[in-house]
Amino acid sequence: MDRPRREAPPPLEGNDLAITATVTVAWAIALVVLLAVRHALPPSQHWWIWTCLTGFGLGLFGLLYVPHLKRSRARSSTKRQSGG
C-alpha cells in the first residue's frame, strides 16, 4: 500500500550577493594567511598563493556580475510574463 506523496516545497532562494561576498572574503583571508607564511611553504607549494589570488579575483568579478545577472533575469521574466 503506497502512501500518497506530499507536494514538493518550492525551492529556496539564496542571497547570491551575500554568498559571493562570503566566498570572496574567504579567499582573501586564505591569501593573507598564505602570504604571511609563504617563507615556511616549500617552493613546490607556492601555487596555493596563486590559487587564492585567482579565487579572490574571480570573487570580485562575481560581485560585479551577480547584480547584472539578477537584473537580466528579472527583465527576461517580466518580458516572458507580459507575452512579448
Protein backbone atom coordinates (compact mmCIF):
# COMPACT_ATOMS: atom_id res chain seq x y z
CA MET A 1 0.00 0.00 0.00
CA ASP A 2 1.63 3.23 -1.18
CA ARG A 3 1.18 6.32 0.89
CA PRO A 4 0.19 9.45 -1.00
CA ARG A 5 3.12 11.74 -1.65
CA ARG A 6 3.13 15.28 -0.46
CA GLU A 7 3.66 18.12 -2.89
CA ALA A 8 7.28 19.23 -3.18
CA PRO A 9 8.04 22.52 -1.42
CA PRO A 10 9.09 25.48 -3.52
CA PRO A 11 12.85 25.90 -3.98
CA LEU A 12 14.60 28.15 -1.52
CA GLU A 13 16.10 31.35 -2.85
CA GLY A 14 19.60 32.15 -1.70
CA ASN A 15 21.11 35.59 -1.41
CA ASP A 16 23.54 35.32 -4.30
CA LEU A 17 25.40 38.52 -3.48
CA ALA A 18 25.93 37.54 0.17
CA ILE A 19 27.17 34.08 -0.83
CA THR A 20 29.57 35.56 -3.39
CA ALA A 21 30.83 38.12 -0.86
CA THR A 22 31.38 35.44 1.78
CA VAL A 23 33.36 33.22 -0.57
CA THR A 24 35.40 36.20 -1.79
CA VAL A 25 36.27 37.15 1.79
CA ALA A 26 37.25 33.54 2.48
CA TRP A 27 39.64 33.59 -0.49
CA ALA A 28 41.06 36.92 0.71
CA ILE A 29 41.67 35.51 4.20
CA ALA A 30 43.33 32.42 2.76
CA LEU A 31 45.52 34.65 0.58
CA VAL A 32 46.60 36.79 3.54
CA VAL A 33 47.40 33.70 5.62
CA LEU A 34 49.43 32.14 2.83
CA LEU A 35 51.30 35.38 2.21
CA ALA A 36 52.11 35.54 5.91
CA VAL A 37 53.57 32.02 5.94
CA ARG A 38 54.94 31.90 2.40
CA HIS A 39 58.53 31.53 3.68
CA ALA A 40 57.51 28.39 5.54
CA LEU A 41 55.96 26.86 2.41
CA PRO A 42 58.14 24.66 0.27
CA PRO A 43 58.65 26.13 -3.22
CA SER A 44 56.53 23.38 -4.75
CA GLN A 45 53.52 24.62 -2.74
CA HIS A 46 53.62 28.30 -3.77
CA TRP A 47 50.94 27.61 -6.34
CA TRP A 48 48.43 27.85 -3.48
CA ILE A 49 49.09 31.60 -3.33
CA TRP A 50 48.16 31.96 -6.99
CA THR A 51 45.08 29.81 -6.44
CA CYS A 52 43.89 32.11 -3.65
CA LEU A 53 44.66 35.19 -5.73
CA THR A 54 42.67 33.76 -8.63
CA GLY A 55 39.75 32.85 -6.33
CA PHE A 56 39.76 36.36 -4.88
CA GLY A 57 39.86 37.92 -8.36
CA LEU A 58 37.01 35.75 -9.61
CA GLY A 59 35.06 36.61 -6.46
CA LEU A 60 35.46 40.32 -7.19
CA PHE A 61 34.25 39.68 -10.73
CA GLY A 62 31.28 37.78 -9.29
CA LEU A 63 30.42 40.70 -7.00
CA LEU A 64 30.19 42.90 -10.09
CA TYR A 65 28.43 40.32 -12.26
CA VAL A 66 25.75 38.96 -9.89
CA PRO A 67 23.66 42.20 -9.80
CA HIS A 68 23.83 42.39 -13.61
CA LEU A 69 22.71 38.76 -13.87
CA LYS A 70 19.80 39.30 -11.46
CA ARG A 71 18.60 42.39 -13.39
CA SER A 72 18.85 40.48 -16.66
CA ARG A 73 16.85 37.55 -15.28
CA ALA A 74 14.20 39.91 -13.87
CA ARG A 75 13.85 41.64 -17.27
CA SER A 76 13.59 38.28 -19.02
CA SER A 77 10.96 37.06 -16.56
CA THR A 78 8.93 40.26 -16.94
CA LYS A 79 9.12 40.01 -20.72
CA ARG A 80 8.05 36.36 -20.62
CA GLN A 81 5.08 37.11 -18.34
CA SER A 82 3.89 40.01 -20.49
CA GLY A 83 3.93 37.74 -23.54
CA GLY A 84 6.39 39.80 -25.56
